Amino acid sequence: MDFSLTQLISKVTLSKLIPAFAYLAVGLILRMLLMRLVRKMLEKANVKESLSHLVLGIISVLAYIVIFMAVAAVFGIQTTSVVALLSVAGLAVSLSVQGILTNCTGCAVLLTVHPFRIGDYIEADGIGGVVKYINLIYTTFVTYDNKVIYVPNSHLMSAKIINYSGDGRRRVDFVFKAGYDVPVNTVKGAIQEAIDRFPNIHKDPAPYIRISEYGDSTISYTVRVWCDTVNYWAVHDDILEAVGETFAAHNIDHIYPQRDLRILKD
C-alpha cells in the first residue's frame, strides 16, 4: 500500500475538499438517475420483481464503489491502491461470511431455476406461506395468519419445495361417509347437488364422485373437484358446509364410529 493515514490526512486541503464534494454530489445524483433509468427498463421488459431487486442492488453497490474511487482520486490516492485495499478487505470479509455468500448463491439459483415466484404459496423447510420477497440473503414468507418468516436461501436450495401455485389450479379432495342403508345414487346425488352450488368449481375436469372403501359400518365416497388456486380454501370450506346441508335434506346421516355393548347376565 503506497499511502498511510497520516499521508492521507495531509492531502486533505480546502482546494481538494471542494472538488471532492462536487464529485460526491454529482456521483450521487448520477447514481439516482441511473437507478431510475434501470428500474424503468426492467419494468418495461417485464422482468420479475425478485430479479429486478437483485439487479438494482448490484448496480447500487457498483455505483458507490465508482463514486468512492472518484473522490479518492481527488486526494491523490492511486486507483490501484484502492483496488488493492478493496481486494484485501474482500478476501477478509469473504472468509468470515461464507454463510452469507452461500445465501447469495442460493438467491442466484432460485432466480435462475424458478421453483417459485413472488406471490406463490409454497411449503419448504417446514414452513408454509406466500412468497413476499426473494432477497440476496433471505426469502420472505407471509403466512395466512400474517406472520412474516425469513428463511435463508441456502436452506431453500437443499429443501424439498412444494409449490401449490405453480399450475394456477388445484384439486380439492374430500372423503364423505354414509351408511349401507342409504342408496349409493342418493349419496352421490346429494354430493353433486352441493357441488353444483358453486360456479368457481371447474367443469373440466368434471367432479369425481366414486366409492373408495366399504368399511365395517359405512361406505366411503371420495370426491375430487378442481378450482383456481386462489379459490382453494373457499371451495374446501364451502363444499364441507354444503354437503352437510344436502345430506340433511336427503335424510343421510353422518356416520361416526360406534360400538354396541351387550351385557350378559348369569
C-alpha atoms as a PDB file:
ATOM      1  CA  MET A   1       0.000   0.000   0.000  1.00  0.00           C
ATOM      2  CA  ASP A   2       1.574   3.296  -1.056  1.00  0.00           C
ATOM      3  CA  PHE A   3      -0.267   5.612   1.300  1.00  0.00           C
ATOM      4  CA  SER A   4      -0.825   5.834   5.047  1.00  0.00           C
ATOM      5  CA  LEU A   5      -3.471   7.505   7.168  1.00  0.00           C
ATOM      6  CA  THR A   6      -1.088  10.352   8.035  1.00  0.00           C
ATOM      7  CA  GLN A   7      -0.304  10.950   4.380  1.00  0.00           C
ATOM      8  CA  LEU A   8      -3.990  10.861   3.537  1.00  0.00           C
ATOM      9  CA  ILE A   9      -4.837  13.478   6.188  1.00  0.00           C
ATOM     10  CA  SER A  10      -2.024  15.701   4.969  1.00  0.00           C
ATOM     11  CA  LYS A  11      -3.546  15.702   1.492  1.00  0.00           C
ATOM     12  CA  VAL A  12      -6.921  16.966   2.742  1.00  0.00           C
ATOM     13  CA  THR A  13      -6.948  20.655   1.889  1.00  0.00           C
ATOM     14  CA  LEU A  14      -9.702  23.134   1.126  1.00  0.00           C
ATOM     15  CA  SER A  15      -8.697  23.222  -2.526  1.00  0.00           C
ATOM     16  CA  LYS A  16      -9.298  19.473  -2.711  1.00  0.00           C
ATOM     17  CA  LEU A  17     -12.348  19.303  -0.449  1.00  0.00           C
ATOM     18  CA  ILE A  18     -14.438  21.476  -2.778  1.00  0.00           C
ATOM     19  CA  PRO A  19     -13.961  19.315  -5.902  1.00  0.00           C
ATOM     20  CA  ALA A  20     -14.266  16.171  -3.766  1.00  0.00           C
ATOM     21  CA  PHE A  21     -17.681  17.283  -2.510  1.00  0.00           C
ATOM     22  CA  ALA A  22     -18.607  18.248  -6.062  1.00  0.00           C
ATOM     23  CA  TYR A  23     -17.661  14.776  -7.328  1.00  0.00           C
ATOM     24  CA  LEU A  24     -19.591  13.211  -4.462  1.00  0.00           C
ATOM     25  CA  ALA A  25     -22.732  15.248  -5.157  1.00  0.00           C
ATOM     26  CA  VAL A  26     -22.584  14.661  -8.906  1.00  0.00           C
ATOM     27  CA  GLY A  27     -21.887  10.964  -8.343  1.00  0.00           C
ATOM     28  CA  LEU A  28     -24.883  10.541  -6.042  1.00  0.00           C
ATOM     29  CA  ILE A  29     -27.144  12.380  -8.490  1.00  0.00           C
ATOM     30  CA  LEU A  30     -25.918  10.260 -11.403  1.00  0.00           C
ATOM     31  CA  ARG A  31     -26.427   7.115  -9.321  1.00  0.00           C
ATOM     32  CA  MET A  32     -30.021   8.148  -8.570  1.00  0.00           C
ATOM     33  CA  LEU A  33     -30.707   8.861 -12.251  1.00  0.00           C
ATOM     34  CA  LEU A  34     -29.101   5.563 -13.280  1.00  0.00           C
ATOM     35  CA  MET A  35     -31.195   3.634 -10.765  1.00  0.00           C
ATOM     36  CA  ARG A  36     -34.380   5.273 -12.083  1.00  0.00           C
ATOM     37  CA  LEU A  37     -33.415   4.507 -15.678  1.00  0.00           C
ATOM     38  CA  VAL A  38     -32.571   0.865 -14.972  1.00  0.00           C
ATOM     39  CA  ARG A  39     -35.758   0.441 -12.916  1.00  0.00           C
ATOM     40  CA  LYS A  40     -37.894   1.737 -15.805  1.00  0.00           C
ATOM     41  CA  MET A  41     -36.056  -0.500 -18.277  1.00  0.00           C
ATOM     42  CA  LEU A  42     -36.647  -3.547 -16.071  1.00  0.00           C
ATOM     43  CA  GLU A  43     -40.328  -2.674 -15.675  1.00  0.00           C
ATOM     44  CA  LYS A  44     -40.692  -2.175 -19.418  1.00  0.00           C
ATOM     45  CA  ALA A  45     -39.037  -5.542 -20.061  1.00  0.00           C
ATOM     46  CA  ASN A  46     -41.437  -7.213 -17.553  1.00  0.00           C
ATOM     47  CA  VAL A  47     -38.517  -8.515 -15.514  1.00  0.00           C
ATOM     48  CA  LYS A  48     -39.690 -10.394 -12.412  1.00  0.00           C
ATOM     49  CA  GLU A  49     -39.719  -8.317  -9.250  1.00  0.00           C
ATOM     50  CA  SER A  50     -37.286 -10.619  -7.442  1.00  0.00           C
ATOM     51  CA  LEU A  51     -34.674 -10.394 -10.214  1.00  0.00           C
ATOM     52  CA  SER A  52     -35.247  -6.642 -10.506  1.00  0.00           C
ATOM     53  CA  HIS A  53     -34.373  -6.147  -6.810  1.00  0.00           C
ATOM     54  CA  LEU A  54     -31.173  -8.161  -7.269  1.00  0.00           C
ATOM     55  CA  VAL A  55     -30.041  -6.216 -10.367  1.00  0.00           C
ATOM     56  CA  LEU A  56     -30.753  -2.839  -8.754  1.00  0.00           C
ATOM     57  CA  GLY A  57     -28.878  -3.864  -5.615  1.00  0.00           C
ATOM     58  CA  ILE A  58     -25.762  -4.867  -7.586  1.00  0.00           C
ATOM     59  CA  ILE A  59     -25.821  -1.657  -9.653  1.00  0.00           C
ATOM     60  CA  SER A  60     -26.180   0.427  -6.491  1.00  0.00           C
ATOM     61  CA  VAL A  61     -23.119  -1.187  -4.888  1.00  0.00           C
ATOM     62  CA  LEU A  62     -21.039  -0.749  -8.049  1.00  0.00           C
ATOM     63  CA  ALA A  63     -22.087   2.900  -8.304  1.00  0.00           C
ATOM     64  CA  TYR A  64     -20.978   3.595  -4.726  1.00  0.00           C
ATOM     65  CA  ILE A  65     -17.598   1.975  -5.460  1.00  0.00           C
ATOM     66  CA  VAL A  66     -17.098   4.189  -8.538  1.00  0.00           C
ATOM     67  CA  ILE A  67     -18.051   7.306  -6.542  1.00  0.00           C
ATOM     68  CA  PHE A  68     -15.627   6.372  -3.767  1.00  0.00           C
ATOM     69  CA  MET A  69     -12.784   5.848  -6.252  1.00  0.00           C
ATOM     70  CA  ALA A  70     -13.522   9.177  -7.967  1.00  0.00           C
ATOM     71  CA  VAL A  71     -13.442  11.057  -4.657  1.00  0.00           C
ATOM     72  CA  ALA A  72     -10.269   9.204  -3.611  1.00  0.00           C
ATOM     73  CA  ALA A  73      -8.569  10.233  -6.855  1.00  0.00           C
ATOM     74  CA  VAL A  74      -9.127  13.902  -5.962  1.00  0.00           C
ATOM     75  CA  PHE A  75      -6.911  13.439  -2.901  1.00  0.00           C
ATOM     76  CA  GLY A  76      -4.177  11.838  -4.971  1.00  0.00           C
ATOM     77  CA  ILE A  77      -4.888   8.265  -3.900  1.00  0.00           C
ATOM     78  CA  GLN A  78      -3.934   5.906  -6.701  1.00  0.00           C
ATOM     79  CA  THR A  79      -6.746   3.761  -8.077  1.00  0.00           C
ATOM     80  CA  THR A  80      -4.516   0.703  -7.880  1.00  0.00           C
ATOM     81  CA  SER A  81      -4.142   1.312  -4.150  1.00  0.00           C
ATOM     82  CA  VAL A  82      -7.889   1.479  -3.697  1.00  0.00           C
ATOM     83  CA  VAL A  83      -8.387  -1.699  -5.720  1.00  0.00           C
ATOM     84  CA  ALA A  84      -5.705  -3.465  -3.662  1.00  0.00           C
ATOM     85  CA  LEU A  85      -7.362  -2.288  -0.441  1.00  0.00           C
ATOM     86  CA  LEU A  86     -10.759  -3.488  -1.610  1.00  0.00           C
ATOM     87  CA  SER A  87      -9.258  -6.834  -2.641  1.00  0.00           C
ATOM     88  CA  VAL A  88      -7.702  -7.415   0.784  1.00  0.00           C
ATOM     89  CA  ALA A  89     -10.884  -6.331   2.517  1.00  0.00           C
ATOM     90  CA  GLY A  90     -12.938  -8.509   0.202  1.00  0.00           C
ATOM     91  CA  LEU A  91     -10.817 -11.564   0.997  1.00  0.00           C
ATOM     92  CA  ALA A  92     -11.083 -10.990   4.735  1.00  0.00           C
ATOM     93  CA  VAL A  93     -14.829 -10.454   4.537  1.00  0.00           C
ATOM     94  CA  SER A  94     -15.381 -13.486   2.296  1.00  0.00           C
ATOM     95  CA  LEU A  95     -13.629 -15.761   4.780  1.00  0.00           C
ATOM     96  CA  SER A  96     -15.798 -14.516   7.624  1.00  0.00           C
ATOM     97  CA  VAL A  97     -19.111 -14.502   5.792  1.00  0.00           C
ATOM     98  CA  GLN A  98     -19.088 -17.779   3.891  1.00  0.00           C
ATOM     99  CA  GLY A  99     -22.658 -18.404   5.003  1.00  0.00           C
ATOM    100  CA  ILE A 100     -23.790 -15.098   3.515  1.00  0.00           C
ATOM    101  CA  LEU A 101     -22.038 -15.908   0.229  1.00  0.00           C
ATOM    102  CA  THR A 102     -23.789 -19.282   0.201  1.00  0.00           C
ATOM    103  CA  ASN A 103     -27.118 -17.491   0.648  1.00  0.00           C
ATOM    104  CA  CYS A 104     -26.257 -15.146  -2.237  1.00  0.00           C
ATOM    105  CA  THR A 105     -25.514 -18.176  -4.396  1.00  0.00           C
ATOM    106  CA  GLY A 106     -28.851 -19.617  -3.324  1.00  0.00           C
ATOM    107  CA  CYS A 107     -30.553 -16.402  -4.414  1.00  0.00           C
ATOM    108  CA  ALA A 108     -28.973 -16.692  -7.865  1.00  0.00           C
ATOM    109  CA  VAL A 109     -30.077 -20.330  -8.133  1.00  0.00           C
ATOM    110  CA  LEU A 110     -33.650 -19.525  -7.071  1.00  0.00           C
ATOM    111  CA  LEU A 111     -33.891 -16.710  -9.611  1.00  0.00           C
ATOM    112  CA  THR A 112     -32.465 -18.924 -12.368  1.00  0.00           C
ATOM    113  CA  VAL A 113     -34.303 -22.207 -11.760  1.00  0.00           C
ATOM    114  CA  HIS A 114     -37.618 -20.539 -10.724  1.00  0.00           C
ATOM    115  CA  PRO A 115     -39.004 -23.202  -8.349  1.00  0.00           C
ATOM    116  CA  PHE A 116     -41.372 -20.466  -7.170  1.00  0.00           C
ATOM    117  CA  ARG A 117     -42.189 -16.822  -7.823  1.00  0.00           C
ATOM    118  CA  ILE A 118     -43.293 -13.896  -5.720  1.00  0.00           C
ATOM    119  CA  GLY A 119     -46.941 -14.403  -4.772  1.00  0.00           C
ATOM    120  CA  ASP A 120     -46.798 -18.222  -4.867  1.00  0.00           C
ATOM    121  CA  TYR A 121     -47.922 -20.252  -1.863  1.00  0.00           C
ATOM    122  CA  ILE A 122     -45.249 -22.842  -1.088  1.00  0.00           C
ATOM    123  CA  GLU A 123     -44.077 -25.206   1.626  1.00  0.00           C
ATOM    124  CA  ALA A 124     -40.336 -25.530   2.152  1.00  0.00           C
ATOM    125  CA  ASP A 125     -38.012 -26.274   5.059  1.00  0.00           C
ATOM    126  CA  GLY A 126     -41.047 -26.967   7.260  1.00  0.00           C
ATOM    127  CA  ILE A 127     -42.585 -23.548   6.546  1.00  0.00           C
ATOM    128  CA  GLY A 128     -45.660 -22.682   4.512  1.00  0.00           C
ATOM    129  CA  GLY A 129     -46.625 -19.234   3.281  1.00  0.00           C
ATOM    130  CA  VAL A 130     -46.889 -16.790   0.401  1.00  0.00           C
ATOM    131  CA  VAL A 131     -43.543 -15.680  -1.054  1.00  0.00           C
ATOM    132  CA  LYS A 132     -43.234 -11.935  -0.488  1.00  0.00           C
ATOM    133  CA  TYR A 133     -39.606 -11.172  -1.401  1.00  0.00           C
ATOM    134  CA  ILE A 134     -36.533 -13.005  -2.689  1.00  0.00           C
ATOM    135  CA  ASN A 135     -33.516 -11.044  -1.474  1.00  0.00           C
ATOM    136  CA  LEU A 136     -29.777 -11.757  -1.587  1.00  0.00           C
ATOM    137  CA  ILE A 137     -29.716 -13.401   1.847  1.00  0.00           C
ATOM    138  CA  TYR A 138     -33.278 -14.333   2.786  1.00  0.00           C
ATOM    139  CA  THR A 139     -36.566 -15.253   1.177  1.00  0.00           C
ATOM    140  CA  THR A 140     -39.513 -13.689   2.984  1.00  0.00           C
ATOM    141  CA  PHE A 141     -42.755 -15.603   3.572  1.00  0.00           C
ATOM    142  CA  VAL A 142     -46.074 -14.321   4.888  1.00  0.00           C
ATOM    143  CA  THR A 143     -48.336 -16.932   6.489  1.00  0.00           C
ATOM    144  CA  TYR A 144     -52.125 -16.879   6.375  1.00  0.00           C
ATOM    145  CA  ASP A 145     -52.209 -15.575   9.948  1.00  0.00           C
ATOM    146  CA  ASN A 146     -49.932 -12.695   8.807  1.00  0.00           C
ATOM    147  CA  LYS A 147     -46.663 -13.886  10.332  1.00  0.00           C
ATOM    148  CA  VAL A 148     -43.527 -12.775   8.468  1.00  0.00           C
ATOM    149  CA  ILE A 149     -40.879 -15.512   8.228  1.00  0.00           C
ATOM    150  CA  TYR A 150     -37.343 -15.104   6.874  1.00  0.00           C
ATOM    151  CA  VAL A 151     -35.699 -18.258   5.505  1.00  0.00           C
ATOM    152  CA  PRO A 152     -32.021 -18.283   4.418  1.00  0.00           C
ATOM    153  CA  ASN A 153     -31.683 -19.005   0.702  1.00  0.00           C
ATOM    154  CA  SER A 154     -29.105 -21.723   1.400  1.00  0.00           C
ATOM    155  CA  HIS A 155     -31.799 -23.708   3.251  1.00  0.00           C
ATOM    156  CA  LEU A 156     -34.199 -23.410   0.343  1.00  0.00           C
ATOM    157  CA  MET A 157     -31.564 -24.697  -2.096  1.00  0.00           C
ATOM    158  CA  SER A 158     -31.401 -28.033  -0.268  1.00  0.00           C
ATOM    159  CA  ALA A 159     -35.025 -28.247   0.907  1.00  0.00           C
ATOM    160  CA  LYS A 160     -37.929 -30.029  -0.725  1.00  0.00           C
ATOM    161  CA  ILE A 161     -40.195 -27.327  -2.142  1.00  0.00           C
ATOM    162  CA  ILE A 162     -43.914 -27.850  -2.703  1.00  0.00           C
ATOM    163  CA  ASN A 163     -45.367 -25.099  -4.893  1.00  0.00           C
ATOM    164  CA  TYR A 164     -49.157 -25.001  -4.617  1.00  0.00           C
ATOM    165  CA  SER A 165     -49.454 -22.087  -7.049  1.00  0.00           C
ATOM    166  CA  GLY A 166     -47.250 -23.356  -9.866  1.00  0.00           C
ATOM    167  CA  ASP A 167     -50.067 -24.578 -12.140  1.00  0.00           C
ATOM    168  CA  GLY A 168     -52.676 -21.929 -11.404  1.00  0.00           C
ATOM    169  CA  ARG A 169     -55.277 -24.510 -10.356  1.00  0.00           C
ATOM    170  CA  ARG A 170     -55.579 -27.108  -7.602  1.00  0.00           C
ATOM    171  CA  ARG A 171     -57.577 -30.233  -6.868  1.00  0.00           C
ATOM    172  CA  VAL A 172     -59.600 -30.324  -3.665  1.00  0.00           C
ATOM    173  CA  ASP A 173     -60.089 -33.810  -2.190  1.00  0.00           C
ATOM    174  CA  PHE A 174     -62.765 -34.985   0.241  1.00  0.00           C
ATOM    175  CA  VAL A 175     -63.916 -38.263   1.759  1.00  0.00           C
ATOM    176  CA  PHE A 176     -67.526 -38.480   2.923  1.00  0.00           C
ATOM    177  CA  LYS A 177     -69.099 -41.477   4.661  1.00  0.00           C
ATOM    178  CA  ALA A 178     -72.655 -42.749   4.652  1.00  0.00           C
ATOM    179  CA  GLY A 179     -74.393 -45.859   5.962  1.00  0.00           C
ATOM    180  CA  TYR A 180     -75.153 -49.021   3.995  1.00  0.00           C
ATOM    181  CA  ASP A 181     -78.869 -48.322   4.311  1.00  0.00           C
ATOM    182  CA  VAL A 182     -78.648 -45.258   2.043  1.00  0.00           C
ATOM    183  CA  PRO A 183     -78.706 -45.951  -1.738  1.00  0.00           C
ATOM    184  CA  VAL A 184     -75.440 -45.111  -3.453  1.00  0.00           C
ATOM    185  CA  ASN A 185     -77.138 -42.919  -6.060  1.00  0.00           C
ATOM    186  CA  THR A 186     -78.821 -40.899  -3.310  1.00  0.00           C
ATOM    187  CA  VAL A 187     -75.475 -40.136  -1.672  1.00  0.00           C
ATOM    188  CA  LYS A 188     -73.828 -39.258  -4.986  1.00  0.00           C
ATOM    189  CA  GLY A 189     -76.774 -37.054  -5.916  1.00  0.00           C
ATOM    190  CA  ALA A 190     -76.586 -35.167  -2.620  1.00  0.00           C
ATOM    191  CA  ILE A 191     -72.841 -34.552  -3.098  1.00  0.00           C
ATOM    192  CA  GLN A 192     -73.336 -33.436  -6.716  1.00  0.00           C
ATOM    193  CA  GLU A 193     -76.109 -31.104  -5.589  1.00  0.00           C
ATOM    194  CA  ALA A 194     -73.690 -29.455  -3.169  1.00  0.00           C
ATOM    195  CA  ILE A 195     -71.013 -29.099  -5.854  1.00  0.00           C
ATOM    196  CA  ASP A 196     -73.438 -27.527  -8.337  1.00  0.00           C
ATOM    197  CA  ARG A 197     -73.991 -24.607  -5.977  1.00  0.00           C
ATOM    198  CA  PHE A 198     -70.561 -23.113  -6.644  1.00  0.00           C
ATOM    199  CA  PRO A 199     -69.624 -21.720 -10.073  1.00  0.00           C
ATOM    200  CA  ASN A 200     -65.941 -21.406  -9.114  1.00  0.00           C
ATOM    201  CA  ILE A 201     -65.596 -25.203  -9.321  1.00  0.00           C
ATOM    202  CA  HIS A 202     -64.291 -26.221 -12.748  1.00  0.00           C
ATOM    203  CA  LYS A 203     -66.485 -28.261 -15.070  1.00  0.00           C
ATOM    204  CA  ASP A 204     -63.398 -29.626 -16.827  1.00  0.00           C
ATOM    205  CA  PRO A 205     -62.081 -31.858 -15.396  1.00  0.00           C
ATOM    206  CA  ALA A 206     -65.507 -32.902 -14.198  1.00  0.00           C
ATOM    207  CA  PRO A 207     -66.068 -33.509 -10.478  1.00  0.00           C
ATOM    208  CA  TYR A 208     -65.168 -37.042  -9.398  1.00  0.00           C
ATOM    209  CA  ILE A 209     -67.544 -38.875  -7.041  1.00  0.00           C
ATOM    210  CA  ARG A 210     -66.865 -42.598  -6.550  1.00  0.00           C
ATOM    211  CA  ILE A 211     -66.934 -45.228  -3.827  1.00  0.00           C
ATOM    212  CA  SER A 212     -63.445 -45.693  -2.393  1.00  0.00           C
ATOM    213  CA  GLU A 213     -64.000 -48.095   0.517  1.00  0.00           C
ATOM    214  CA  TYR A 214     -66.507 -50.443   2.102  1.00  0.00           C
ATOM    215  CA  GLY A 215     -65.949 -50.133   5.827  1.00  0.00           C
ATOM    216  CA  ASP A 216     -67.358 -52.077   8.775  1.00  0.00           C
ATOM    217  CA  SER A 217     -70.414 -49.862   9.047  1.00  0.00           C
ATOM    218  CA  THR A 218     -70.007 -47.172   6.375  1.00  0.00           C
ATOM    219  CA  ILE A 219     -69.297 -46.657   2.699  1.00  0.00           C
ATOM    220  CA  SER A 220     -66.613 -44.073   1.906  1.00  0.00           C
ATOM    221  CA  TYR A 221     -67.117 -41.744  -1.047  1.00  0.00           C
ATOM    222  CA  THR A 222     -64.066 -39.974  -2.489  1.00  0.00           C
ATOM    223  CA  VAL A 223     -64.794 -36.589  -4.041  1.00  0.00           C
ATOM    224  CA  ARG A 224     -62.333 -34.594  -6.161  1.00  0.00           C
ATOM    225  CA  VAL A 225     -63.025 -31.192  -7.671  1.00  0.00           C
ATOM    226  CA  TRP A 226     -60.795 -28.655  -9.417  1.00  0.00           C
ATOM    227  CA  CYS A 227     -60.667 -24.902  -8.901  1.00  0.00           C
ATOM    228  CA  ASP A 228     -58.348 -21.921  -9.318  1.00  0.00           C
ATOM    229  CA  THR A 229     -55.567 -21.872  -6.739  1.00  0.00           C
ATOM    230  CA  VAL A 230     -56.790 -18.621  -5.201  1.00  0.00           C
ATOM    231  CA  ASN A 231     -60.188 -20.254  -4.534  1.00  0.00           C
ATOM    232  CA  TYR A 232     -58.825 -23.421  -2.897  1.00  0.00           C
ATOM    233  CA  TRP A 233     -59.790 -22.760   0.727  1.00  0.00           C
ATOM    234  CA  ALA A 234     -63.086 -21.123  -0.216  1.00  0.00           C
ATOM    235  CA  VAL A 235     -64.094 -24.216  -2.217  1.00  0.00           C
ATOM    236  CA  HIS A 236     -62.846 -26.538   0.528  1.00  0.00           C
ATOM    237  CA  ASP A 237     -64.904 -24.877   3.255  1.00  0.00           C
ATOM    238  CA  ASP A 238     -67.957 -24.252   1.051  1.00  0.00           C
ATOM    239  CA  ILE A 239     -68.209 -27.905  -0.001  1.00  0.00           C
ATOM    240  CA  LEU A 240     -67.924 -29.155   3.575  1.00  0.00           C
ATOM    241  CA  GLU A 241     -70.797 -26.942   4.669  1.00  0.00           C
ATOM    242  CA  ALA A 242     -72.912 -27.593   1.582  1.00  0.00           C
ATOM    243  CA  VAL A 243     -72.589 -31.388   1.786  1.00  0.00           C
ATOM    244  CA  GLY A 244     -73.746 -31.256   5.395  1.00  0.00           C
ATOM    245  CA  GLU A 245     -76.855 -29.370   4.267  1.00  0.00           C
ATOM    246  CA  THR A 246     -77.650 -31.654   1.311  1.00  0.00           C
ATOM    247  CA  PHE A 247     -77.118 -34.778   3.425  1.00  0.00           C
ATOM    248  CA  ALA A 248     -79.622 -33.420   5.945  1.00  0.00           C
ATOM    249  CA  ALA A 249     -82.077 -32.575   3.157  1.00  0.00           C
ATOM    250  CA  HIS A 250     -81.898 -36.180   1.865  1.00  0.00           C
ATOM    251  CA  ASN A 251     -82.007 -37.693   5.364  1.00  0.00           C
ATOM    252  CA  ILE A 252     -78.471 -39.051   5.076  1.00  0.00           C
ATOM    253  CA  ASP A 253     -76.874 -39.449   8.470  1.00  0.00           C
ATOM    254  CA  HIS A 254     -73.209 -38.662   9.086  1.00  0.00           C
ATOM    255  CA  ILE A 255     -71.959 -41.988  10.377  1.00  0.00           C
ATOM    256  CA  TYR A 256     -69.418 -41.895  13.186  1.00  0.00           C
ATOM    257  CA  PRO A 257     -67.606 -44.828  14.849  1.00  0.00           C
ATOM    258  CA  GLN A 258     -69.779 -46.566  17.413  1.00  0.00           C
ATOM    259  CA  ARG A 259     -69.723 -49.779  19.364  1.00  0.00           C
ATOM    260  CA  ASP A 260     -72.626 -51.792  20.783  1.00  0.00           C
ATOM    261  CA  LEU A 261     -72.109 -53.434  24.154  1.00  0.00           C
ATOM    262  CA  ARG A 262     -74.170 -56.389  25.285  1.00  0.00           C
ATOM    263  CA  ILE A 263     -74.172 -57.349  28.936  1.00  0.00           C
ATOM    264  CA  LEU A 264     -74.929 -60.997  29.591  1.00  0.00           C
ATOM    265  CA  LYS A 265     -76.445 -61.914  32.915  1.00  0.00           C
ATOM    266  CA  ASP A 266     -75.893 -65.301  34.552  1.00  0.00           C
END
